[in-house]
C-alpha atoms as a PDB file:
ATOM      1  CA  MET A   1    -177.931 -21.701   3.763  1.00  0.00           C
ATOM      2  CA  THR A   2    -180.070 -20.151   1.058  1.00  0.00           C
ATOM      3  CA  ALA A   3    -180.680 -21.562  -2.386  1.00  0.00           C
ATOM      4  CA  GLU A   4    -178.569 -18.782  -3.869  1.00  0.00           C
ATOM      5  CA  ASP A   5    -175.591 -19.700  -1.653  1.00  0.00           C
ATOM      6  CA  GLU A   6    -175.976 -23.352  -2.575  1.00  0.00           C
ATOM      7  CA  ALA A   7    -176.038 -22.477  -6.281  1.00  0.00           C
ATOM      8  CA  LYS A   8    -172.827 -20.414  -5.903  1.00  0.00           C
ATOM      9  CA  GLN A   9    -171.092 -23.275  -4.110  1.00  0.00           C
ATOM     10  CA  LEU A  10    -172.165 -25.730  -6.777  1.00  0.00           C
ATOM     11  CA  ASP A  11    -170.873 -23.407  -9.510  1.00  0.00           C
ATOM     12  CA  SER A  12    -167.532 -22.988  -7.755  1.00  0.00           C
ATOM     13  CA  VAL A  13    -167.082 -26.756  -7.563  1.00  0.00           C
ATOM     14  CA  THR A  14    -168.105 -27.537 -11.131  1.00  0.00           C
ATOM     15  CA  ASP A  15    -166.185 -24.696 -12.819  1.00  0.00           C
ATOM     16  CA  VAL A  16    -162.778 -26.330 -12.413  1.00  0.00           C
ATOM     17  CA  VAL A  17    -161.517 -27.759 -15.700  1.00  0.00           C
ATOM     18  CA  HIS A  18    -158.025 -29.134 -16.025  1.00  0.00           C
ATOM     19  CA  GLU A  19    -156.944 -29.348 -19.626  1.00  0.00           C
ATOM     20  CA  LYS A  20    -153.745 -30.922 -20.779  1.00  0.00           C
ATOM     21  CA  GLU A  21    -152.095 -29.987 -24.019  1.00  0.00           C
ATOM     22  CA  PHE A  22    -151.473 -32.794 -26.443  1.00  0.00           C
ATOM     23  CA  ASP A  23    -147.987 -32.855 -27.922  1.00  0.00           C
ATOM     24  CA  ALA A  24    -148.386 -34.619 -31.273  1.00  0.00           C
ATOM     25  CA  SER A  25    -144.658 -34.958 -31.910  1.00  0.00           C
ATOM     26  CA  LYS A  26    -144.106 -36.653 -28.544  1.00  0.00           C
ATOM     27  CA  ALA A  27    -147.002 -39.012 -29.194  1.00  0.00           C
ATOM     28  CA  LYS A  28    -145.620 -39.881 -32.623  1.00  0.00           C
ATOM     29  CA  GLU A  29    -142.184 -40.617 -31.128  1.00  0.00           C
ATOM     30  CA  ALA A  30    -143.774 -42.841 -28.496  1.00  0.00           C
ATOM     31  CA  MET A  31    -145.761 -44.771 -31.090  1.00  0.00           C
ATOM     32  CA  THR A  32    -142.649 -45.230 -33.210  1.00  0.00           C
ATOM     33  CA  ALA A  33    -140.738 -46.485 -30.181  1.00  0.00           C
ATOM     34  CA  LEU A  34    -143.511 -48.969 -29.416  1.00  0.00           C
ATOM     35  CA  LEU A  35    -143.477 -50.267 -32.967  1.00  0.00           C
ATOM     36  CA  ILE A  36    -139.702 -50.706 -32.946  1.00  0.00           C
ATOM     37  CA  ALA A  37    -139.462 -52.104 -29.396  1.00  0.00           C
ATOM     38  CA  PRO A  38    -141.014 -55.555 -30.040  1.00  0.00           C
ATOM     39  CA  GLN A  39    -138.586 -56.165 -32.905  1.00  0.00           C
ATOM     40  CA  ALA A  40    -135.590 -55.218 -30.763  1.00  0.00           C
ATOM     41  CA  GLY A  41    -136.902 -57.271 -27.839  1.00  0.00           C
ATOM     42  CA  ALA A  42    -137.359 -60.357 -29.977  1.00  0.00           C
ATOM     43  CA  SER A  43    -133.746 -60.307 -31.131  1.00  0.00           C
ATOM     44  CA  SER A  44    -132.408 -59.952 -27.584  1.00  0.00           C
ATOM     45  CA  ILE A  45    -134.537 -62.863 -26.363  1.00  0.00           C
ATOM     46  CA  THR A  46    -133.261 -65.159 -29.080  1.00  0.00           C
ATOM     47  CA  GLY A  47    -129.706 -64.004 -28.453  1.00  0.00           C
ATOM     48  CA  GLY A  48    -129.391 -66.466 -25.554  1.00  0.00           C
ATOM     49  CA  LYS A  49    -129.497 -63.951 -22.721  1.00  0.00           C
ATOM     50  CA  LYS A  50    -130.774 -65.082 -19.365  1.00  0.00           C
ATOM     51  CA  ALA A  51    -134.392 -64.408 -18.460  1.00  0.00           C
ATOM     52  CA  ILE A  52    -134.922 -61.313 -16.326  1.00  0.00           C
ATOM     53  CA  SER A  53    -137.679 -61.436 -13.742  1.00  0.00           C
ATOM     54  CA  VAL A  54    -139.256 -58.263 -12.433  1.00  0.00           C
ATOM     55  CA  SER A  55    -141.081 -57.631  -9.191  1.00  0.00           C
ATOM     56  CA  LYS A  56    -144.843 -57.297  -9.504  1.00  0.00           C
ATOM     57  CA  ASP A  57    -144.698 -54.675  -6.742  1.00  0.00           C
ATOM     58  CA  ASP A  58    -142.259 -52.592  -8.799  1.00  0.00           C
ATOM     59  CA  VAL A  59    -144.529 -52.917 -11.834  1.00  0.00           C
ATOM     60  CA  ALA A  60    -147.505 -51.811  -9.730  1.00  0.00           C
ATOM     61  CA  VAL A  61    -145.610 -48.762  -8.446  1.00  0.00           C
ATOM     62  CA  ILE A  62    -144.683 -47.645 -11.959  1.00  0.00           C
ATOM     63  CA  VAL A  63    -148.195 -48.254 -13.317  1.00  0.00           C
ATOM     64  CA  SER A  64    -149.847 -46.302 -10.499  1.00  0.00           C
ATOM     65  CA  GLU A  65    -147.375 -43.420 -10.387  1.00  0.00           C
ATOM     66  CA  LEU A  66    -146.769 -42.840 -14.103  1.00  0.00           C
ATOM     67  CA  GLU A  67    -150.054 -44.192 -15.468  1.00  0.00           C
ATOM     68  CA  VAL A  68    -148.417 -46.426 -18.066  1.00  0.00           C
ATOM     69  CA  SER A  69    -149.377 -49.947 -19.087  1.00  0.00           C
ATOM     70  CA  GLU A  70    -147.955 -52.986 -17.337  1.00  0.00           C
ATOM     71  CA  ASP A  71    -146.052 -53.940 -20.494  1.00  0.00           C
ATOM     72  CA  VAL A  72    -144.268 -50.577 -20.593  1.00  0.00           C
ATOM     73  CA  ALA A  73    -143.460 -50.827 -16.882  1.00  0.00           C
ATOM     74  CA  GLU A  74    -142.087 -54.367 -17.231  1.00  0.00           C
ATOM     75  CA  LYS A  75    -139.961 -53.387 -20.233  1.00  0.00           C
ATOM     76  CA  ALA A  76    -138.505 -50.405 -18.372  1.00  0.00           C
ATOM     77  CA  LEU A  77    -137.733 -52.586 -15.353  1.00  0.00           C
ATOM     78  CA  ARG A  78    -136.018 -55.227 -17.504  1.00  0.00           C
ATOM     79  CA  GLU A  79    -133.879 -52.588 -19.193  1.00  0.00           C
ATOM     80  CA  ALA A  80    -133.057 -50.996 -15.840  1.00  0.00           C
ATOM     81  CA  THR A  81    -132.114 -54.383 -14.385  1.00  0.00           C
ATOM     82  CA  GLU A  82    -129.551 -54.838 -17.144  1.00  0.00           C
ATOM     83  CA  GLU A  83    -128.142 -51.368 -16.452  1.00  0.00           C
ATOM     84  CA  VAL A  84    -127.857 -51.519 -12.648  1.00  0.00           C
ATOM     85  CA  GLY A  85    -126.744 -55.132 -12.398  1.00  0.00           C
ATOM     86  CA  ASP A  86    -127.659 -57.891  -9.984  1.00  0.00           C
ATOM     87  CA  GLY A  87    -128.456 -57.243  -6.363  1.00  0.00           C
ATOM     88  CA  LYS A  88    -129.647 -53.670  -6.841  1.00  0.00           C
ATOM     89  CA  SER A  89    -133.222 -52.491  -7.217  1.00  0.00           C
ATOM     90  CA  PRO A  90    -133.994 -51.332 -10.759  1.00  0.00           C
ATOM     91  CA  LEU A  91    -137.084 -49.358  -9.691  1.00  0.00           C
ATOM     92  CA  ALA A  92    -135.377 -45.955  -9.412  1.00  0.00           C
ATOM     93  CA  ALA A  93    -133.562 -46.402 -12.732  1.00  0.00           C
ATOM     94  CA  ALA A  94    -136.769 -47.499 -14.477  1.00  0.00           C
ATOM     95  CA  LEU A  95    -138.732 -44.553 -13.100  1.00  0.00           C
ATOM     96  CA  ARG A  96    -135.965 -42.162 -14.124  1.00  0.00           C
ATOM     97  CA  SER A  97    -135.819 -43.554 -17.680  1.00  0.00           C
ATOM     98  CA  LEU A  98    -139.598 -43.336 -18.117  1.00  0.00           C
ATOM     99  CA  ILE A  99    -139.780 -39.799 -16.784  1.00  0.00           C
ATOM    100  CA  ILE A 100    -136.919 -38.566 -18.954  1.00  0.00           C
ATOM    101  CA  SER A 101    -138.199 -40.190 -22.144  1.00  0.00           C
END
């Protein structure tokens, strides 16, 4: 392989740039939701509801697949657990709610 061929291959590999557009309105909505969420969560905790435990494996799946923080994943799983009820896995409902939002 000649130096010219090597240079062309190197250029073809390094020319790929994936840019994502930044949606400011969506980011603002997300930040607002994060600011409001702790206040809403605090009132539900003091309301005497039972503690909801979430699976660390489910949290890990959500964090790796959707690239969100562990806190966001745990919150989504807790909310999904309340929606689907006992005995059912809240993972699908939590993933669906995070993708839609």
